[in-house]
């Protein structure tokens, strides 16, 4: 384990050294995408509440994690529009160009499970009356762990828990984690995975727009816990973007997939350095 972590950290230092010489080509294409650090609970809640929240009331919000791990975004490249972003690092680093495969802000804080770190958590409690059956949510998960560390112990995860049950699920029923989206650097890949070959975001890979649906407890207080965390170490950032206005009691309209879906076809050109190959071999032996 220590050897694997050493190689991972070494590859990050090497990538950072290389990235300083890379021109910021494509920056103008990403300039419309903005992220602003903001961990004010009321601002985050106001961004997430939709127009179809009839029957929901008494909202309270709390945050857990570093202040720089929370923020608001606009004009994202994923088709969400605007909303809230949570990260295991600095949220402003989600913006492109994708000029390094190892963007990291390591807070070194413990997570909520053994072996997890840098937890960013947003808890929203609300009362649901007897007219409400379900609540809905839209989001995109992405990470710098793709694709080099897919299939390893560095299995960063995103959770949407309604009253303690994680309902952040892929179409096959699996939870939203690195390894459930990409089984290894060469696949197989979940259909929801998109490889980033563009410059709009720093994230090396991300999901299609995903929808959360959960049955509420009627005439009772419900709690929605939104969590993202590093797993295995606190290195390499993962992030989730939550669509603004998407907390709703009616299903969202279908959102078209980003044009960058074709990026998964370019995996052969993506490239993995010999150092990362050595790291993967070490991970298999660990």
C-alpha atoms as a PDB file:
ATOM      1  CA  UNK A   1       0.000   0.000   0.000  1.00  0.00           C
ATOM      2  CA  UNK A   2       2.760   2.466   0.926  1.00  0.00           C
ATOM      3  CA  UNK A   3       4.624   1.692  -2.318  1.00  0.00           C
ATOM      4  CA  UNK A   4       1.496   2.258  -4.368  1.00  0.00           C
ATOM      5  CA  UNK A   5       0.831   5.589  -2.680  1.00  0.00           C
ATOM      6  CA  UNK A   6       4.462   6.622  -3.238  1.00  0.00           C
ATOM      7  CA  UNK A   7       4.208   5.963  -6.968  1.00  0.00           C
ATOM      8  CA  UNK A   8       0.918   7.786  -7.157  1.00  0.00           C
ATOM      9  CA  UNK A   9       2.333  10.856  -5.425  1.00  0.00           C
ATOM     10  CA  UNK A  10       5.465  10.720  -7.588  1.00  0.00           C
ATOM     11  CA  UNK A  11       3.383  10.667 -10.768  1.00  0.00           C
ATOM     12  CA  UNK A  12       1.458  13.712  -9.551  1.00  0.00           C
ATOM     13  CA  UNK A  13       4.655  15.670  -8.930  1.00  0.00           C
ATOM     14  CA  UNK A  14       5.935  14.727 -12.386  1.00  0.00           C
ATOM     15  CA  UNK A  15       2.666  15.700 -14.044  1.00  0.00           C
ATOM     16  CA  UNK A  16       2.609  19.020 -12.225  1.00  0.00           C
ATOM     17  CA  UNK A  17       6.106  19.794 -13.448  1.00  0.00           C
ATOM     18  CA  UNK A  18       5.102  19.042 -17.032  1.00  0.00           C
ATOM     19  CA  UNK A  19       1.856  20.994 -16.814  1.00  0.00           C
ATOM     20  CA  UNK A  20       3.663  24.232 -16.046  1.00  0.00           C
ATOM     21  CA  UNK A  21       5.028  24.234 -19.591  1.00  0.00           C
ATOM     22  CA  UNK A  22       1.686  23.533 -21.274  1.00  0.00           C
ATOM     23  CA  UNK A  23       0.063  26.483 -23.009  1.00  0.00           C
ATOM     24  CA  UNK A  24      -3.483  27.143 -21.944  1.00  0.00           C
ATOM     25  CA  UNK A  25      -4.871  26.290 -25.339  1.00  0.00           C
ATOM     26  CA  UNK A  26      -8.660  26.177 -25.440  1.00  0.00           C
ATOM     27  CA  UNK A  27      -9.028  28.470 -22.445  1.00  0.00           C
ATOM     28  CA  UNK A  28     -11.384  30.731 -24.361  1.00  0.00           C
ATOM     29  CA  UNK A  29     -13.687  27.773 -24.962  1.00  0.00           C
ATOM     30  CA  UNK A  30     -13.866  27.168 -21.227  1.00  0.00           C
ATOM     31  CA  UNK A  31     -14.097  30.813 -20.180  1.00  0.00           C
ATOM     32  CA  UNK A  32     -17.907  30.749 -19.976  1.00  0.00           C
ATOM     33  CA  UNK A  33     -17.752  28.003 -17.347  1.00  0.00           C
ATOM     34  CA  UNK A  34     -17.399  29.665 -13.941  1.00  0.00           C
ATOM     35  CA  UNK A  35     -17.078  28.257 -10.431  1.00  0.00           C
ATOM     36  CA  UNK A  36     -17.187  30.435  -7.322  1.00  0.00           C
ATOM     37  CA  UNK A  37     -16.231  29.147  -3.889  1.00  0.00           C
ATOM     38  CA  UNK A  38     -19.230  29.419  -1.565  1.00  0.00           C
ATOM     39  CA  UNK A  39     -20.057  27.309   1.482  1.00  0.00           C
ATOM     40  CA  UNK A  40     -22.927  29.466   2.733  1.00  0.00           C
ATOM     41  CA  UNK A  41     -25.701  26.935   3.471  1.00  0.00           C
ATOM     42  CA  UNK A  42     -28.518  29.269   2.442  1.00  0.00           C
ATOM     43  CA  UNK A  43     -26.863  30.130  -0.881  1.00  0.00           C
ATOM     44  CA  UNK A  44     -26.364  26.440  -1.645  1.00  0.00           C
ATOM     45  CA  UNK A  45     -29.970  25.603  -0.762  1.00  0.00           C
ATOM     46  CA  UNK A  46     -31.392  28.492  -2.788  1.00  0.00           C
ATOM     47  CA  UNK A  47     -29.444  27.315  -5.818  1.00  0.00           C
ATOM     48  CA  UNK A  48     -30.760  23.764  -5.544  1.00  0.00           C
ATOM     49  CA  UNK A  49     -34.455  24.391  -4.855  1.00  0.00           C
ATOM     50  CA  UNK A  50     -36.620  24.026  -7.939  1.00  0.00           C
ATOM     51  CA  UNK A  51     -39.966  25.609  -8.762  1.00  0.00           C
ATOM     52  CA  UNK A  52     -41.785  22.308  -8.205  1.00  0.00           C
ATOM     53  CA  UNK A  53     -41.358  21.846  -4.459  1.00  0.00           C
ATOM     54  CA  UNK A  54     -45.004  21.985  -3.418  1.00  0.00           C
ATOM     55  CA  UNK A  55     -45.494  19.943  -0.261  1.00  0.00           C
ATOM     56  CA  UNK A  56     -41.927  20.467   0.953  1.00  0.00           C
ATOM     57  CA  UNK A  57     -41.166  22.928   3.748  1.00  0.00           C
ATOM     58  CA  UNK A  58     -38.986  23.658   6.765  1.00  0.00           C
ATOM     59  CA  UNK A  59     -35.639  23.325   4.985  1.00  0.00           C
ATOM     60  CA  UNK A  60     -32.434  23.332   7.032  1.00  0.00           C
ATOM     61  CA  UNK A  61     -28.929  22.945   5.606  1.00  0.00           C
ATOM     62  CA  UNK A  62     -25.506  22.128   7.064  1.00  0.00           C
ATOM     63  CA  UNK A  63     -22.090  21.574   5.468  1.00  0.00           C
ATOM     64  CA  UNK A  64     -19.221  19.339   6.555  1.00  0.00           C
ATOM     65  CA  UNK A  65     -15.756  19.754   5.071  1.00  0.00           C
ATOM     66  CA  UNK A  66     -13.291  22.389   3.972  1.00  0.00           C
ATOM     67  CA  UNK A  67     -14.888  25.690   2.901  1.00  0.00           C
ATOM     68  CA  UNK A  68     -13.046  25.539  -0.439  1.00  0.00           C
ATOM     69  CA  UNK A  69     -14.764  22.239  -1.244  1.00  0.00           C
ATOM     70  CA  UNK A  70     -18.143  23.944  -1.832  1.00  0.00           C
ATOM     71  CA  UNK A  71     -19.217  26.367  -4.516  1.00  0.00           C
ATOM     72  CA  UNK A  72     -21.626  27.557  -7.182  1.00  0.00           C
ATOM     73  CA  UNK A  73     -21.198  27.093 -10.935  1.00  0.00           C
ATOM     74  CA  UNK A  74     -22.595  28.587 -14.131  1.00  0.00           C
ATOM     75  CA  UNK A  75     -22.477  27.673 -17.838  1.00  0.00           C
ATOM     76  CA  UNK A  76     -21.002  24.224 -17.266  1.00  0.00           C
ATOM     77  CA  UNK A  77     -20.013  21.966 -20.193  1.00  0.00           C
ATOM     78  CA  UNK A  78     -22.232  19.102 -19.002  1.00  0.00           C
ATOM     79  CA  UNK A  79     -25.588  20.647 -19.837  1.00  0.00           C
ATOM     80  CA  UNK A  80     -26.673  21.295 -16.245  1.00  0.00           C
ATOM     81  CA  UNK A  81     -26.612  25.080 -16.627  1.00  0.00           C
ATOM     82  CA  UNK A  82     -25.916  26.217 -13.086  1.00  0.00           C
ATOM     83  CA  UNK A  83     -25.968  24.860  -9.567  1.00  0.00           C
ATOM     84  CA  UNK A  84     -23.834  23.615  -6.688  1.00  0.00           C
ATOM     85  CA  UNK A  85     -20.466  21.873  -6.872  1.00  0.00           C
ATOM     86  CA  UNK A  86     -18.785  19.780  -4.168  1.00  0.00           C
ATOM     87  CA  UNK A  87     -15.210  18.534  -4.423  1.00  0.00           C
ATOM     88  CA  UNK A  88     -12.639  16.560  -2.469  1.00  0.00           C
ATOM     89  CA  UNK A  89     -10.286  19.418  -3.350  1.00  0.00           C
ATOM     90  CA  UNK A  90     -10.749  23.021  -4.402  1.00  0.00           C
ATOM     91  CA  UNK A  91     -13.967  23.520  -6.383  1.00  0.00           C
ATOM     92  CA  UNK A  92     -12.454  26.202  -8.626  1.00  0.00           C
ATOM     93  CA  UNK A  93     -10.083  23.551  -9.996  1.00  0.00           C
ATOM     94  CA  UNK A  94     -13.011  21.862 -11.768  1.00  0.00           C
ATOM     95  CA  UNK A  95     -12.715  24.516 -14.483  1.00  0.00           C
ATOM     96  CA  UNK A  96     -10.676  23.629 -17.578  1.00  0.00           C
ATOM     97  CA  UNK A  97      -8.513  23.435 -19.517  1.00  0.00           C
ATOM     98  CA  UNK A  98      -7.641  19.811 -18.837  1.00  0.00           C
ATOM     99  CA  UNK A  99      -3.921  20.572 -18.696  1.00  0.00           C
ATOM    100  CA  UNK A 100      -2.952  17.943 -16.102  1.00  0.00           C
ATOM    101  CA  UNK A 101      -4.170  14.453 -15.295  1.00  0.00           C
ATOM    102  CA  UNK A 102      -3.434  14.848 -11.597  1.00  0.00           C
ATOM    103  CA  UNK A 103      -5.066  17.966 -10.173  1.00  0.00           C
ATOM    104  CA  UNK A 104      -4.923  17.741  -6.400  1.00  0.00           C
ATOM    105  CA  UNK A 105      -5.728  19.722  -3.292  1.00  0.00           C
ATOM    106  CA  UNK A 106      -5.226  17.371  -0.369  1.00  0.00           C
ATOM    107  CA  UNK A 107      -6.778  18.525   2.886  1.00  0.00           C
ATOM    108  CA  UNK A 108      -5.797  15.307   4.637  1.00  0.00           C
ATOM    109  CA  UNK A 109      -8.998  15.309   6.677  1.00  0.00           C
ATOM    110  CA  UNK A 110     -10.670  12.007   7.574  1.00  0.00           C
ATOM    111  CA  UNK A 111     -13.733  10.755   5.748  1.00  0.00           C
ATOM    112  CA  UNK A 112     -16.779   9.044   7.182  1.00  0.00           C
ATOM    113  CA  UNK A 113     -15.577   5.484   6.506  1.00  0.00           C
ATOM    114  CA  UNK A 114     -12.230   3.722   7.072  1.00  0.00           C
ATOM    115  CA  UNK A 115      -9.746   4.566   4.339  1.00  0.00           C
ATOM    116  CA  UNK A 116     -11.624   7.643   3.111  1.00  0.00           C
ATOM    117  CA  UNK A 117     -10.489  11.270   3.190  1.00  0.00           C
ATOM    118  CA  UNK A 118     -11.458  14.861   2.375  1.00  0.00           C
ATOM    119  CA  UNK A 119     -15.184  14.360   2.797  1.00  0.00           C
ATOM    120  CA  UNK A 120     -17.413  17.158   1.505  1.00  0.00           C
ATOM    121  CA  UNK A 121     -20.982  16.725   2.739  1.00  0.00           C
ATOM    122  CA  UNK A 122     -24.156  18.752   2.317  1.00  0.00           C
ATOM    123  CA  UNK A 123     -27.111  17.764   4.512  1.00  0.00           C
ATOM    124  CA  UNK A 124     -30.590  19.049   3.666  1.00  0.00           C
ATOM    125  CA  UNK A 125     -33.524  18.322   5.985  1.00  0.00           C
ATOM    126  CA  UNK A 126     -37.114  19.098   5.033  1.00  0.00           C
ATOM    127  CA  UNK A 127     -40.695  18.254   5.944  1.00  0.00           C
ATOM    128  CA  UNK A 128     -42.756  16.394   3.312  1.00  0.00           C
ATOM    129  CA  UNK A 129     -46.546  16.483   3.613  1.00  0.00           C
ATOM    130  CA  UNK A 130     -48.944  13.782   2.415  1.00  0.00           C
ATOM    131  CA  UNK A 131     -49.055  15.139  -1.150  1.00  0.00           C
ATOM    132  CA  UNK A 132     -45.403  14.273  -1.824  1.00  0.00           C
ATOM    133  CA  UNK A 133     -44.332  10.821  -2.971  1.00  0.00           C
ATOM    134  CA  UNK A 134     -40.837  11.317  -4.400  1.00  0.00           C
ATOM    135  CA  UNK A 135     -38.067  13.865  -4.693  1.00  0.00           C
ATOM    136  CA  UNK A 136     -35.797  14.140  -7.728  1.00  0.00           C
ATOM    137  CA  UNK A 137     -32.304  15.460  -8.374  1.00  0.00           C
ATOM    138  CA  UNK A 138     -29.880  15.809 -11.322  1.00  0.00           C
ATOM    139  CA  UNK A 139     -26.098  15.627 -11.139  1.00  0.00           C
ATOM    140  CA  UNK A 140     -22.771  14.814 -12.833  1.00  0.00           C
ATOM    141  CA  UNK A 141     -19.873  13.054 -11.076  1.00  0.00           C
ATOM    142  CA  UNK A 142     -16.281  13.389 -12.291  1.00  0.00           C
ATOM    143  CA  UNK A 143     -12.744  12.710 -11.154  1.00  0.00           C
ATOM    144  CA  UNK A 144      -9.022  13.025 -11.760  1.00  0.00           C
ATOM    145  CA  UNK A 145      -8.720   9.330 -10.809  1.00  0.00           C
ATOM    146  CA  UNK A 146      -9.882   8.429 -14.331  1.00  0.00           C
ATOM    147  CA  UNK A 147      -8.591   6.543 -16.076  1.00  0.00           C
ATOM    148  CA  UNK A 148      -5.184   5.783 -14.623  1.00  0.00           C
ATOM    149  CA  UNK A 149      -6.443   4.439 -11.300  1.00  0.00           C
ATOM    150  CA  UNK A 150      -9.684   2.790 -12.382  1.00  0.00           C
ATOM    151  CA  UNK A 151      -9.982  -0.664 -10.888  1.00  0.00           C
ATOM    152  CA  UNK A 152      -7.605   0.147  -8.021  1.00  0.00           C
ATOM    153  CA  UNK A 153      -8.113   0.835  -4.323  1.00  0.00           C
ATOM    154  CA  UNK A 154      -8.416   4.556  -5.119  1.00  0.00           C
ATOM    155  CA  UNK A 155     -12.154   4.181  -5.557  1.00  0.00           C
ATOM    156  CA  UNK A 156     -13.526   7.689  -4.904  1.00  0.00           C
ATOM    157  CA  UNK A 157     -17.290   7.774  -4.474  1.00  0.00           C
ATOM    158  CA  UNK A 158     -20.371   9.954  -4.551  1.00  0.00           C
ATOM    159  CA  UNK A 159     -23.457   9.311  -2.430  1.00  0.00           C
ATOM    160  CA  UNK A 160     -26.986  10.724  -2.324  1.00  0.00           C
ATOM    161  CA  UNK A 161     -28.607   9.332   0.780  1.00  0.00           C
ATOM    162  CA  UNK A 162     -32.284   9.855   1.470  1.00  0.00           C
ATOM    163  CA  UNK A 163     -32.990   8.985   5.089  1.00  0.00           C
ATOM    164  CA  UNK A 164     -29.820   6.920   5.181  1.00  0.00           C
ATOM    165  CA  UNK A 165     -30.273   4.978   1.920  1.00  0.00           C
ATOM    166  CA  UNK A 166     -27.814   5.670  -0.901  1.00  0.00           C
ATOM    167  CA  UNK A 167     -29.825   6.227  -4.069  1.00  0.00           C
ATOM    168  CA  UNK A 168     -26.984   7.550  -6.240  1.00  0.00           C
ATOM    169  CA  UNK A 169     -27.172   4.656  -8.668  1.00  0.00           C
ATOM    170  CA  UNK A 170     -26.095   3.874 -12.199  1.00  0.00           C
ATOM    171  CA  UNK A 171     -28.544   2.282 -14.628  1.00  0.00           C
ATOM    172  CA  UNK A 172     -27.303  -1.206 -13.656  1.00  0.00           C
ATOM    173  CA  UNK A 173     -28.028  -0.525  -9.987  1.00  0.00           C
ATOM    174  CA  UNK A 174     -24.392  -0.064  -8.948  1.00  0.00           C
ATOM    175  CA  UNK A 175     -23.301   2.867  -6.815  1.00  0.00           C
ATOM    176  CA  UNK A 176     -21.551   5.878  -8.347  1.00  0.00           C
ATOM    177  CA  UNK A 177     -17.840   5.132  -7.805  1.00  0.00           C
ATOM    178  CA  UNK A 178     -14.686   5.197  -9.920  1.00  0.00           C
ATOM    179  CA  UNK A 179     -14.501   1.416 -10.285  1.00  0.00           C
ATOM    180  CA  UNK A 180     -18.182   1.014 -11.147  1.00  0.00           C
ATOM    181  CA  UNK A 181     -17.746   3.468 -14.013  1.00  0.00           C
ATOM    182  CA  UNK A 182     -14.414   2.135 -15.284  1.00  0.00           C
ATOM    183  CA  UNK A 183     -13.304  -1.370 -14.351  1.00  0.00           C
ATOM    184  CA  UNK A 184      -9.711  -0.686 -15.436  1.00  0.00           C
ATOM    185  CA  UNK A 185      -7.810   1.898 -17.506  1.00  0.00           C
ATOM    186  CA  UNK A 186      -8.708  -0.102 -20.609  1.00  0.00           C
ATOM    187  CA  UNK A 187     -12.280  -0.920 -19.619  1.00  0.00           C
ATOM    188  CA  UNK A 188     -14.864  -2.211 -19.635  1.00  0.00           C
ATOM    189  CA  UNK A 189     -16.680   1.093 -19.107  1.00  0.00           C
ATOM    190  CA  UNK A 190     -20.156   1.789 -17.833  1.00  0.00           C
ATOM    191  CA  UNK A 191     -22.314   3.451 -20.519  1.00  0.00           C
ATOM    192  CA  UNK A 192     -22.599   6.482 -18.232  1.00  0.00           C
ATOM    193  CA  UNK A 193     -18.833   7.142 -18.400  1.00  0.00           C
ATOM    194  CA  UNK A 194     -17.417   9.915 -20.609  1.00  0.00           C
ATOM    195  CA  UNK A 195     -13.695  10.335 -21.160  1.00  0.00           C
ATOM    196  CA  UNK A 196     -12.614  13.968 -21.241  1.00  0.00           C
ATOM    197  CA  UNK A 197     -10.643  14.769 -24.383  1.00  0.00           C
ATOM    198  CA  UNK A 198     -11.570  18.459 -24.374  1.00  0.00           C
ATOM    199  CA  UNK A 199     -10.616  21.536 -22.403  1.00  0.00           C
ATOM    200  CA  UNK A 200     -13.886  22.636 -20.817  1.00  0.00           C
ATOM    201  CA  UNK A 201     -13.201  20.939 -17.474  1.00  0.00           C
ATOM    202  CA  UNK A 202     -10.120  19.771 -15.594  1.00  0.00           C
ATOM    203  CA  UNK A 203     -11.828  16.482 -14.690  1.00  0.00           C
ATOM    204  CA  UNK A 204     -10.268  13.608 -16.647  1.00  0.00           C
ATOM    205  CA  UNK A 205     -13.552  11.730 -16.825  1.00  0.00           C
ATOM    206  CA  UNK A 206     -17.148  12.229 -15.796  1.00  0.00           C
ATOM    207  CA  UNK A 207     -20.637  10.794 -16.097  1.00  0.00           C
ATOM    208  CA  UNK A 208     -23.562  11.585 -18.278  1.00  0.00           C
ATOM    209  CA  UNK A 209     -26.290  13.572 -16.539  1.00  0.00           C
ATOM    210  CA  UNK A 210     -27.706  11.262 -13.883  1.00  0.00           C
ATOM    211  CA  UNK A 211     -31.032  11.457 -12.046  1.00  0.00           C
ATOM    212  CA  UNK A 212     -31.736  10.662  -8.410  1.00  0.00           C
ATOM    213  CA  UNK A 213     -35.217   9.554  -7.372  1.00  0.00           C
ATOM    214  CA  UNK A 214     -36.212   8.756  -3.801  1.00  0.00           C
ATOM    215  CA  UNK A 215     -39.451   7.979  -1.998  1.00  0.00           C
ATOM    216  CA  UNK A 216     -39.997  10.310   0.958  1.00  0.00           C
ATOM    217  CA  UNK A 217     -41.484   9.614   4.359  1.00  0.00           C
ATOM    218  CA  UNK A 218     -44.822  11.426   4.222  1.00  0.00           C
ATOM    219  CA  UNK A 219     -45.870  13.803   6.992  1.00  0.00           C
ATOM    220  CA  UNK A 220     -42.360  13.570   8.393  1.00  0.00           C
ATOM    221  CA  UNK A 221     -38.960  15.216   8.365  1.00  0.00           C
ATOM    222  CA  UNK A 222     -36.651  13.753   5.713  1.00  0.00           C
ATOM    223  CA  UNK A 223     -32.883  14.152   5.373  1.00  0.00           C
ATOM    224  CA  UNK A 224     -30.952  14.244   2.101  1.00  0.00           C
ATOM    225  CA  UNK A 225     -27.196  13.767   2.591  1.00  0.00           C
ATOM    226  CA  UNK A 226     -24.956  14.589  -0.370  1.00  0.00           C
ATOM    227  CA  UNK A 227     -21.412  13.224   0.023  1.00  0.00           C
ATOM    228  CA  UNK A 228     -18.239  13.035  -2.030  1.00  0.00           C
ATOM    229  CA  UNK A 229     -14.943  11.657  -0.733  1.00  0.00           C
ATOM    230  CA  UNK A 230     -11.501  10.385  -1.665  1.00  0.00           C
ATOM    231  CA  UNK A 231     -10.977   6.673  -1.043  1.00  0.00           C
ATOM    232  CA  UNK A 232      -7.596   5.011  -0.554  1.00  0.00           C
ATOM    233  CA  UNK A 233      -5.756   8.306  -0.121  1.00  0.00           C
ATOM    234  CA  UNK A 234      -6.418  12.048  -0.238  1.00  0.00           C
ATOM    235  CA  UNK A 235      -4.703  12.503  -3.605  1.00  0.00           C
ATOM    236  CA  UNK A 236      -6.428  13.423  -6.908  1.00  0.00           C
ATOM    237  CA  UNK A 237      -9.667  15.361  -6.756  1.00  0.00           C
ATOM    238  CA  UNK A 238     -13.181  14.147  -7.461  1.00  0.00           C
ATOM    239  CA  UNK A 239     -16.207  16.410  -7.799  1.00  0.00           C
ATOM    240  CA  UNK A 240     -19.957  16.378  -8.235  1.00  0.00           C
ATOM    241  CA  UNK A 241     -22.048  19.075  -9.894  1.00  0.00           C
ATOM    242  CA  UNK A 242     -25.661  19.304  -8.722  1.00  0.00           C
ATOM    243  CA  UNK A 243     -28.067  20.959 -11.134  1.00  0.00           C
ATOM    244  CA  UNK A 244     -29.554  24.202  -9.891  1.00  0.00           C
ATOM    245  CA  UNK A 245     -33.278  24.106  -9.253  1.00  0.00           C
ATOM    246  CA  UNK A 246     -33.317  20.321  -9.538  1.00  0.00           C
ATOM    247  CA  UNK A 247     -34.673  19.478  -6.078  1.00  0.00           C
ATOM    248  CA  UNK A 248     -38.200  18.806  -7.214  1.00  0.00           C
ATOM    249  CA  UNK A 249     -41.262  16.655  -6.543  1.00  0.00           C
ATOM    250  CA  UNK A 250     -41.740  15.969 -10.283  1.00  0.00           C
ATOM    251  CA  UNK A 251     -39.377  14.077 -12.640  1.00  0.00           C
ATOM    252  CA  UNK A 252     -36.906  16.216 -14.619  1.00  0.00           C
ATOM    253  CA  UNK A 253     -37.116  16.563 -18.363  1.00  0.00           C
ATOM    254  CA  UNK A 254     -34.705  14.424 -20.346  1.00  0.00           C
ATOM    255  CA  UNK A 255     -31.371  16.201 -20.815  1.00  0.00           C
ATOM    256  CA  UNK A 256     -29.418  15.580 -24.059  1.00  0.00           C
ATOM    257  CA  UNK A 257     -25.953  14.128 -23.621  1.00  0.00           C
ATOM    258  CA  UNK A 258     -22.951  16.446 -24.064  1.00  0.00           C
ATOM    259  CA  UNK A 259     -21.271  16.287 -27.445  1.00  0.00           C
ATOM    260  CA  UNK A 260     -18.105  15.104 -25.687  1.00  0.00           C
ATOM    261  CA  UNK A 261     -19.674  11.651 -25.345  1.00  0.00           C
ATOM    262  CA  UNK A 262     -17.554  10.771 -28.363  1.00  0.00           C
ATOM    263  CA  UNK A 263     -14.565  11.283 -26.099  1.00  0.00           C
ATOM    264  CA  UNK A 264     -14.781   7.690 -24.942  1.00  0.00           C
ATOM    265  CA  UNK A 265     -13.888   6.656 -28.489  1.00  0.00           C
ATOM    266  CA  UNK A 266     -10.576   8.453 -28.118  1.00  0.00           C
ATOM    267  CA  UNK A 267      -9.245   6.398 -25.229  1.00  0.00           C
ATOM    268  CA  UNK A 268      -6.439   5.013 -27.344  1.00  0.00           C
ATOM    269  CA  UNK A 269      -5.119   8.523 -27.879  1.00  0.00           C
ATOM    270  CA  UNK A 270      -5.525   9.414 -24.209  1.00  0.00           C
ATOM    271  CA  UNK A 271      -2.259   7.714 -23.254  1.00  0.00           C
ATOM    272  CA  UNK A 272      -0.926   6.362 -19.975  1.00  0.00           C
ATOM    273  CA  UNK A 273       2.677   7.019 -18.987  1.00  0.00           C
ATOM    274  CA  UNK A 274       5.101   4.255 -18.124  1.00  0.00           C
ATOM    275  CA  UNK A 275       5.181   5.537 -14.553  1.00  0.00           C
ATOM    276  CA  UNK A 276       1.439   5.042 -14.228  1.00  0.00           C
ATOM    277  CA  UNK A 277       1.737   1.570 -15.750  1.00  0.00           C
ATOM    278  CA  UNK A 278       4.223   0.711 -13.008  1.00  0.00           C
ATOM    279  CA  UNK A 279       1.756   2.077 -10.475  1.00  0.00           C
ATOM    280  CA  UNK A 280      -1.017  -0.114 -11.840  1.00  0.00           C
ATOM    281  CA  UNK A 281       1.229  -3.183 -11.688  1.00  0.00           C
ATOM    282  CA  UNK A 282       2.018  -2.349  -8.083  1.00  0.00           C
ATOM    283  CA  UNK A 283      -1.699  -1.958  -7.336  1.00  0.00           C
ATOM    284  CA  UNK A 284      -2.350  -5.473  -8.652  1.00  0.00           C
ATOM    285  CA  UNK A 285       0.347  -6.884  -6.398  1.00  0.00           C
ATOM    286  CA  UNK A 286      -0.860  -4.925  -3.350  1.00  0.00           C
END
